[in-house]
Amino acid sequence: MKFEINFKKLKDAIGLVERITGKHMTLPVLSCVLIEVDDNVATFKATNLDIGVEVSVPIKATTKGTVAVPGNILSSFISQVQEDSQVAKVEVISGNLTIQANKSKVVIKTLPIEDFPSIPRVGDVKNEVTEMAFSSDIFIKGLKSVWYSASVSSVKPELSSVYIYKDGDCIVFAATDSFRLAEKRIKVPLALKTNDILLPFKNIADVTRTLESMGETLNVKMGKNLMSFESNGIYIVSRIIDGIFPDYKQIIPKGYTTEVITLKQDLLNALKISNIFSDKFNQVHMTVDPEGKIFDVQTKNSDVGENKTSIDASLTGEKMEINFNYKYIIDCFQSIDADSVSLQLSGINKPMVIRPVSGDQTFLYLVMPMNR
């Protein structure tokens, strides 16, 4: 195998696929990037068996071939070479990969390619496949808006995922760990048809990062066990979870008895101060008194001290004192673009609903209260 490639394109391709590689005791080749050269195209591949990525780049090939190279070694070298405009000369000599770039030349030992697993294509297996064109912004925004609310534990796989489904003229992204819930609704053409999908939490960061490097329009395929995205020479496929997402709409309150409208930044600042004095359960105590025009956020730690911050807010409804995990509240602010937020309370043991105060009502966040 011998070819020449623009160094910037080589760096970008390796940067995308190398993140997927990892240590695997029984299958060391999974720590490798597989490079396939054929007809003036180099395809860089990586997989951890849950997710697979391929990046195809035009090159000037002299001879074809395939090689598996440890991803961390390859990435570490390439990231240190500063001159992106140069041409890199890549060649396999005596079973080793040689890269000549600028004044640097490296020789990297390779691994046998026979054990490298094939990256599946949705539709290769005989099952029902849904295929459509999607804007990459839809998936990037949808996943980023909710994924932090998914469970990090794999005990209940359906909770350790982002649920994607069609509802009327919207595609909906939802995630919950049973303590909080995030939902983002994005309008799509009515004629668009999709499968209900449970995308694993542990794959979301890699999927989102890869989508950000792809074109504006994605070719999306959804099968029984796999979901893939393809655009501009980049292909990523993820395993999807076979399960049933909980019917979360049942726990969203139909109304509320108390509402707090305040500046997002003021509440965020108060919660950051709360972090200093919170207990091991991250508990924050909220006092809402519309008649007394009081909205206080309070934390107490017997080993450190205590804090109470009063926040300017518009208050309506009944007086209420209630406890929450402050970290769960802070998390949702990354999904709210509006300057002000609405906190809607409907009872001492019922969840709080947080929404942006603006014309955009496509995001909803729900937090369960804590008992003292």
Protein backbone atom coordinates (compact mmCIF):
# COMPACT_ATOMS: atom_id res chain seq x y z
CA MET A 1 0.00 0.00 0.00
CA LYS A 2 1.35 3.39 -1.02
CA PHE A 3 -0.38 6.76 -1.41
CA GLU A 4 -0.15 10.53 -0.99
CA ILE A 5 -2.74 12.58 0.88
CA ASN A 6 -3.31 16.19 1.89
CA PHE A 7 -2.20 16.33 5.51
CA LYS A 8 -5.21 18.36 6.70
CA LYS A 9 -7.56 15.71 5.28
CA LEU A 10 -5.52 12.96 6.92
CA LYS A 11 -5.62 14.77 10.28
CA ASP A 12 -9.40 15.35 10.06
CA ALA A 13 -10.12 11.73 9.12
CA ILE A 14 -7.97 10.29 11.91
CA GLY A 15 -9.43 12.77 14.39
CA LEU A 16 -12.94 11.52 13.62
CA VAL A 17 -12.35 7.78 13.72
CA GLU A 18 -9.68 7.47 16.42
CA ARG A 19 -12.12 8.52 19.16
CA ILE A 20 -14.10 5.31 18.53
CA THR A 21 -11.13 3.05 19.21
CA GLY A 22 -10.46 1.71 22.67
CA LYS A 23 -8.75 -0.95 24.74
CA HIS A 24 -10.21 -4.41 24.30
CA MET A 25 -8.47 -7.27 26.09
CA THR A 26 -9.80 -10.09 23.92
CA LEU A 27 -9.72 -8.22 20.60
CA PRO A 28 -6.70 -5.85 20.49
CA VAL A 29 -7.42 -4.88 16.87
CA LEU A 30 -10.33 -2.74 18.13
CA SER A 31 -7.74 -0.24 19.33
CA CYS A 32 -6.71 0.20 15.69
CA VAL A 33 -7.72 2.40 12.79
CA LEU A 34 -8.15 0.32 9.64
CA ILE A 35 -6.91 2.05 6.47
CA GLU A 36 -8.14 0.69 3.13
CA VAL A 37 -6.78 2.08 -0.16
CA ASP A 38 -8.60 1.42 -3.41
CA ASP A 39 -8.99 3.45 -6.65
CA ASN A 40 -7.57 6.74 -5.35
CA VAL A 41 -9.75 6.68 -2.23
CA ALA A 42 -8.54 5.94 1.29
CA THR A 43 -11.17 4.78 3.78
CA PHE A 44 -10.39 5.11 7.48
CA LYS A 45 -12.43 2.85 9.76
CA ALA A 46 -12.86 2.29 13.50
CA THR A 47 -15.35 0.41 15.65
CA ASN A 48 -15.91 -0.61 19.26
CA LEU A 49 -18.70 -3.06 18.26
CA ASP A 50 -21.41 -0.66 19.54
CA ILE A 51 -20.62 2.07 17.03
CA GLY A 52 -18.66 2.19 13.79
CA VAL A 53 -17.29 5.07 11.70
CA GLU A 54 -15.91 5.25 8.17
CA VAL A 55 -14.34 8.32 6.54
CA SER A 56 -13.48 8.23 2.82
CA VAL A 57 -10.90 10.71 1.47
CA PRO A 58 -9.61 11.24 -2.09
CA ILE A 59 -5.89 10.45 -2.45
CA LYS A 60 -3.21 9.79 -5.05
CA ALA A 61 -2.69 6.05 -4.82
CA THR A 62 0.27 4.12 -6.18
CA THR A 63 -0.69 0.70 -4.83
CA LYS A 64 -3.77 -0.62 -3.06
CA GLY A 65 -3.85 -2.32 0.31
CA THR A 66 -5.24 -2.54 3.83
CA VAL A 67 -3.52 -2.01 7.15
CA ALA A 68 -4.52 -1.81 10.85
CA VAL A 69 -2.62 0.75 12.94
CA PRO A 70 -2.95 1.52 16.68
CA GLY A 71 -5.22 4.57 16.78
CA ASN A 72 -3.63 6.33 19.74
CA ILE A 73 -0.13 6.16 18.23
CA LEU A 74 -1.31 7.39 14.84
CA SER A 75 -3.38 10.21 16.34
CA SER A 76 -0.62 11.33 18.71
CA PHE A 77 1.86 11.72 15.86
CA ILE A 78 -0.52 13.48 13.49
CA SER A 79 -1.71 15.97 16.13
CA GLN A 80 1.88 17.15 16.67
CA VAL A 81 2.56 17.99 13.01
CA GLN A 82 1.69 21.67 12.52
CA GLU A 83 1.88 22.19 8.76
CA ASP A 84 -1.57 21.23 7.41
CA SER A 85 -1.03 22.27 3.79
CA GLN A 86 1.68 19.75 3.04
CA VAL A 87 1.28 16.37 1.36
CA ALA A 88 1.87 13.28 3.49
CA LYS A 89 3.45 10.20 1.92
CA VAL A 90 2.08 6.97 3.38
CA GLU A 91 3.48 3.52 2.64
CA VAL A 92 3.54 0.02 4.11
CA ILE A 93 7.09 -1.35 4.22
CA SER A 94 7.89 -4.76 5.70
CA GLY A 95 4.54 -4.86 7.49
CA ASN A 96 4.99 -1.43 9.12
CA LEU A 97 3.22 1.83 8.26
CA THR A 98 5.59 4.63 7.26
CA ILE A 99 4.41 8.25 7.17
CA GLN A 100 6.61 11.04 5.80
CA ALA A 101 5.30 14.51 6.66
CA ASN A 102 7.42 17.66 6.36
CA LYS A 103 10.65 16.89 8.23
CA SER A 104 9.15 14.07 10.28
CA LYS A 105 9.12 10.40 9.39
CA VAL A 106 7.54 7.72 11.55
CA VAL A 107 7.37 3.96 11.36
CA ILE A 108 4.40 2.42 13.20
CA LYS A 109 3.99 -1.29 13.84
CA THR A 110 0.74 -2.75 12.53
CA LEU A 111 -1.63 -5.50 13.66
CA PRO A 112 -3.17 -8.34 11.61
CA ILE A 113 -6.24 -7.12 9.74
CA GLU A 114 -8.03 -10.49 9.74
CA ASP A 115 -9.58 -9.91 13.18
CA PHE A 116 -10.91 -6.43 12.40
CA PRO A 117 -14.72 -6.72 12.40
CA SER A 118 -16.73 -5.47 9.44
CA ILE A 119 -18.73 -2.28 10.02
CA PRO A 120 -22.37 -3.14 9.28
CA ARG A 121 -24.51 -1.35 6.74
CA VAL A 122 -28.15 -0.82 7.62
CA GLY A 123 -30.10 -2.91 5.13
CA ASP A 124 -27.40 -5.54 4.63
CA VAL A 125 -29.38 -7.81 6.92
CA LYS A 126 -32.83 -8.68 5.65
CA ASN A 127 -35.18 -6.58 7.77
CA GLU A 128 -37.45 -3.61 7.37
CA VAL A 129 -35.45 -0.42 6.82
CA THR A 130 -36.68 3.17 6.90
CA GLU A 131 -34.58 5.58 4.84
CA MET A 132 -34.91 9.37 4.65
CA ALA A 133 -33.05 12.64 4.21
CA PHE A 134 -32.66 14.73 7.37
CA SER A 135 -31.02 18.01 8.29
CA SER A 136 -27.97 17.34 10.45
CA ASP A 137 -29.02 20.29 12.65
CA ILE A 138 -32.16 18.41 13.69
CA PHE A 139 -30.25 15.49 15.16
CA ILE A 140 -27.44 17.58 16.64
CA LYS A 141 -29.84 19.97 18.39
CA GLY A 142 -32.24 17.22 19.42
CA LEU A 143 -29.59 14.96 20.93
CA LYS A 144 -27.70 17.78 22.67
CA SER A 145 -30.94 19.11 24.19
CA VAL A 146 -31.79 15.93 26.10
CA TRP A 147 -28.97 13.37 26.27
CA TYR A 148 -27.65 14.46 29.69
CA SER A 149 -30.95 13.35 31.24
CA ALA A 150 -30.44 9.71 30.26
CA SER A 151 -29.30 7.20 32.86
CA VAL A 152 -25.58 6.43 32.90
CA SER A 153 -26.34 2.96 34.25
CA SER A 154 -27.06 0.13 31.82
CA VAL A 155 -29.27 -1.77 34.30
CA LYS A 156 -32.34 -0.49 32.45
CA PRO A 157 -31.18 -0.05 28.84
CA GLU A 158 -34.32 1.84 27.81
CA LEU A 159 -33.48 4.57 30.36
CA SER A 160 -29.83 4.62 29.26
CA SER A 161 -30.84 5.97 25.85
CA VAL A 162 -32.39 8.84 23.93
CA TYR A 163 -35.86 8.07 22.63
CA ILE A 164 -36.51 9.44 19.12
CA TYR A 165 -40.00 9.30 17.65
CA LYS A 166 -42.44 11.13 15.35
CA ASP A 167 -45.42 12.96 16.85
CA GLY A 168 -47.59 14.87 14.36
CA ASP A 169 -45.42 17.41 12.58
CA CYS A 170 -42.54 17.04 15.04
CA ILE A 171 -39.68 14.67 15.64
CA VAL A 172 -39.32 14.29 19.40
CA PHE A 173 -36.16 13.58 21.40
CA ALA A 174 -36.66 12.48 25.03
CA ALA A 175 -34.45 11.13 27.80
CA THR A 176 -34.99 10.28 31.47
CA ASP A 177 -33.17 8.59 34.32
CA SER A 178 -36.41 8.50 36.39
CA PHE A 179 -35.28 11.52 38.48
CA ARG A 180 -35.57 14.07 35.66
CA LEU A 181 -36.83 14.20 32.09
CA ALA A 182 -35.90 16.31 29.06
CA GLU A 183 -37.99 16.60 25.89
CA LYS A 184 -37.18 18.52 22.70
CA ARG A 185 -39.63 18.82 19.80
CA ILE A 186 -38.44 19.88 16.32
CA LYS A 187 -40.80 20.46 13.39
CA VAL A 188 -40.33 18.29 10.29
CA PRO A 189 -42.39 17.77 7.11
CA LEU A 190 -45.67 15.96 7.85
CA ALA A 191 -44.97 13.35 5.16
CA LEU A 192 -41.75 12.28 6.85
CA LYS A 193 -41.92 8.80 8.37
CA THR A 194 -39.56 7.47 11.03
CA ASN A 195 -39.22 4.45 13.27
CA ASP A 196 -39.27 4.79 17.04
CA ILE A 197 -35.60 4.59 18.06
CA LEU A 198 -33.72 4.12 21.35
CA LEU A 199 -30.18 5.40 20.75
CA PRO A 200 -27.75 4.27 23.50
CA PHE A 201 -26.52 7.01 25.83
CA LYS A 202 -22.90 5.85 25.60
CA ASN A 203 -22.94 6.39 21.81
CA ILE A 204 -24.51 9.87 21.82
CA ALA A 205 -21.30 11.91 22.25
CA ASP A 206 -19.57 10.11 19.36
CA VAL A 207 -22.64 10.32 17.12
CA THR A 208 -23.10 14.05 17.80
CA ARG A 209 -19.41 14.86 17.29
CA THR A 210 -19.39 12.99 13.98
CA LEU A 211 -22.61 14.64 12.76
CA GLU A 212 -21.01 18.05 13.34
CA SER A 213 -18.35 17.13 10.76
CA MET A 214 -20.87 15.97 8.16
CA GLY A 215 -22.87 17.89 5.55
CA GLU A 216 -26.11 19.76 6.09
CA THR A 217 -28.22 16.91 4.70
CA LEU A 218 -27.90 13.38 6.08
CA ASN A 219 -28.96 10.11 4.56
CA VAL A 220 -30.48 8.39 7.62
CA LYS A 221 -31.37 4.71 7.76
CA MET A 222 -33.21 3.01 10.60
CA GLY A 223 -33.35 -0.76 10.84
CA LYS A 224 -34.37 -3.25 13.52
CA ASN A 225 -31.07 -3.15 15.41
CA LEU A 226 -29.08 -0.35 13.75
CA MET A 227 -29.26 3.33 12.84
CA SER A 228 -26.86 4.98 10.39
CA PHE A 229 -26.04 8.48 9.13
CA GLU A 230 -24.13 9.18 5.92
CA SER A 231 -22.98 12.39 4.21
CA ASN A 232 -19.92 13.83 2.45
CA GLY A 233 -17.87 10.64 2.60
CA ILE A 234 -18.56 10.04 6.31
CA TYR A 235 -20.59 7.09 7.55
CA ILE A 236 -21.49 6.30 11.16
CA VAL A 237 -23.62 3.42 12.40
CA SER A 238 -24.84 2.77 15.94
CA ARG A 239 -26.48 -0.14 17.65
CA ILE A 240 -29.97 0.72 18.91
CA ILE A 241 -31.70 -0.67 21.96
CA ASP A 242 -34.53 -3.16 21.69
CA GLY A 243 -36.91 -2.00 24.40
CA ILE A 244 -39.89 0.16 25.30
CA PHE A 245 -39.39 3.69 26.56
CA PRO A 246 -41.66 4.58 29.52
CA ASP A 247 -44.86 6.50 28.79
CA TYR A 248 -43.45 9.67 30.29
CA LYS A 249 -46.38 11.90 29.29
CA GLN A 250 -48.35 10.48 32.21
CA ILE A 251 -46.07 12.16 34.75
CA ILE A 252 -46.08 15.64 33.16
CA PRO A 253 -48.46 17.76 35.27
CA LYS A 254 -51.52 19.04 33.40
CA GLY A 255 -51.38 22.32 35.30
CA TYR A 256 -49.60 24.09 38.15
CA THR A 257 -50.44 25.90 41.38
CA THR A 258 -47.29 28.04 41.67
CA GLU A 259 -45.12 29.68 39.00
CA VAL A 260 -41.75 31.42 39.23
CA ILE A 261 -40.46 33.46 36.29
CA THR A 262 -36.88 34.61 36.70
CA LEU A 263 -33.74 35.38 34.73
CA LYS A 264 -31.90 32.18 33.84
CA GLN A 265 -28.52 33.66 34.76
CA ASP A 266 -29.72 34.82 38.21
CA LEU A 267 -30.98 31.34 39.04
CA LEU A 268 -27.83 29.73 37.65
CA ASN A 269 -25.61 31.98 39.78
CA ALA A 270 -27.62 31.14 42.90
CA LEU A 271 -27.36 27.42 42.22
CA LYS A 272 -23.59 27.68 41.69
CA ILE A 273 -23.28 29.28 45.12
CA SER A 274 -25.47 26.50 46.50
CA ASN A 275 -22.90 24.03 45.26
CA ILE A 276 -20.41 25.31 47.86
CA PHE A 277 -22.71 24.59 50.80
CA SER A 278 -24.77 21.64 49.59
CA ASP A 279 -24.87 18.29 51.37
CA LYS A 280 -23.81 14.93 49.95
CA PHE A 281 -27.21 14.62 48.24
CA ASN A 282 -26.78 17.95 46.34
CA GLN A 283 -29.98 19.12 48.01
CA VAL A 284 -31.22 22.67 47.56
CA HIS A 285 -34.24 24.09 49.41
CA MET A 286 -36.53 26.48 47.52
CA THR A 287 -38.98 28.84 49.20
CA VAL A 288 -41.60 30.44 46.98
CA ASP A 289 -43.93 32.97 48.63
CA PRO A 290 -45.87 35.04 46.06
CA GLU A 291 -47.68 37.08 48.73
CA GLY A 292 -44.42 38.02 50.47
CA LYS A 293 -42.63 38.38 47.11
CA ILE A 294 -39.96 35.91 48.22
CA PHE A 295 -38.01 33.44 46.09
CA ASP A 296 -35.09 32.00 48.06
CA VAL A 297 -32.63 29.24 47.28
CA GLN A 298 -30.98 27.75 50.37
CA THR A 299 -28.40 25.03 51.11
CA LYS A 300 -26.89 23.78 54.34
CA ASN A 301 -23.96 21.52 55.15
CA SER A 302 -23.12 20.78 58.80
CA ASP A 303 -19.41 20.45 57.90
CA VAL A 304 -19.11 23.63 55.81
CA GLY A 305 -21.86 26.12 56.59
CA GLU A 306 -25.01 27.40 54.96
CA ASN A 307 -26.17 29.85 52.31
CA LYS A 308 -29.39 31.59 51.29
CA THR A 309 -29.73 33.56 48.07
CA SER A 310 -32.78 35.71 47.31
CA ILE A 311 -33.62 35.97 43.62
CA ASP A 312 -35.72 38.62 41.86
CA ALA A 313 -38.68 36.91 40.23
CA SER A 314 -42.28 37.24 39.15
CA LEU A 315 -44.30 34.94 41.45
CA THR A 316 -47.88 33.72 41.19
CA GLY A 317 -49.98 31.11 42.99
CA GLU A 318 -49.59 29.36 46.32
CA LYS A 319 -46.75 29.49 48.83
CA MET A 320 -44.47 26.45 48.63
CA GLU A 321 -41.27 25.04 50.12
CA ILE A 322 -39.66 22.17 48.24
CA ASN A 323 -36.28 20.43 47.79
CA PHE A 324 -34.43 19.46 44.61
CA ASN A 325 -31.08 18.13 43.46
CA TYR A 326 -29.54 21.40 42.25
CA LYS A 327 -27.33 19.62 39.69
CA TYR A 328 -30.40 18.36 37.87
CA ILE A 329 -31.68 21.92 37.53
CA ILE A 330 -28.36 23.33 36.32
CA ASP A 331 -28.07 20.66 33.61
CA CYS A 332 -31.10 21.88 31.67
CA PHE A 333 -29.83 25.45 31.18
CA GLN A 334 -27.59 24.28 28.32
CA SER A 335 -30.79 23.54 26.36
CA ILE A 336 -32.51 26.88 27.02
CA ASP A 337 -31.60 29.81 24.78
CA ALA A 338 -34.08 32.23 26.37
CA ASP A 339 -32.96 34.80 28.97
CA SER A 340 -35.80 33.91 31.34
CA VAL A 341 -37.15 30.60 32.62
CA SER A 342 -40.46 29.51 34.08
CA LEU A 343 -40.53 27.12 37.05
CA GLN A 344 -43.96 25.53 37.38
CA LEU A 345 -44.85 23.74 40.63
CA SER A 346 -47.98 21.71 41.27
CA GLY A 347 -47.51 20.25 44.75
CA ILE A 348 -44.98 19.29 47.40
CA ASN A 349 -44.46 15.75 46.08
CA LYS A 350 -44.99 16.50 42.40
CA PRO A 351 -42.38 17.32 39.76
CA MET A 352 -41.30 20.81 38.78
CA VAL A 353 -41.54 21.71 35.10
CA ILE A 354 -38.98 24.12 33.64
CA ARG A 355 -39.61 25.87 30.34
CA PRO A 356 -38.02 28.79 28.48
CA VAL A 357 -39.96 32.06 28.65
CA SER A 358 -40.05 32.98 24.97
CA GLY A 359 -41.84 32.15 21.76
CA ASP A 360 -39.93 28.83 21.67
CA GLN A 361 -41.96 26.26 23.58
CA THR A 362 -40.27 23.22 22.04
CA PHE A 363 -38.24 22.31 25.13
CA LEU A 364 -39.61 20.91 28.39
CA TYR A 365 -37.67 19.77 31.44
CA LEU A 366 -39.09 17.99 34.47
CA VAL A 367 -37.35 17.43 37.85
CA MET A 368 -38.61 15.21 40.65
CA PRO A 369 -38.47 16.69 44.18
CA MET A 370 -36.33 15.30 46.99
CA ASN A 371 -37.56 14.30 50.42
CA ARG A 372 -35.69 15.77 53.37
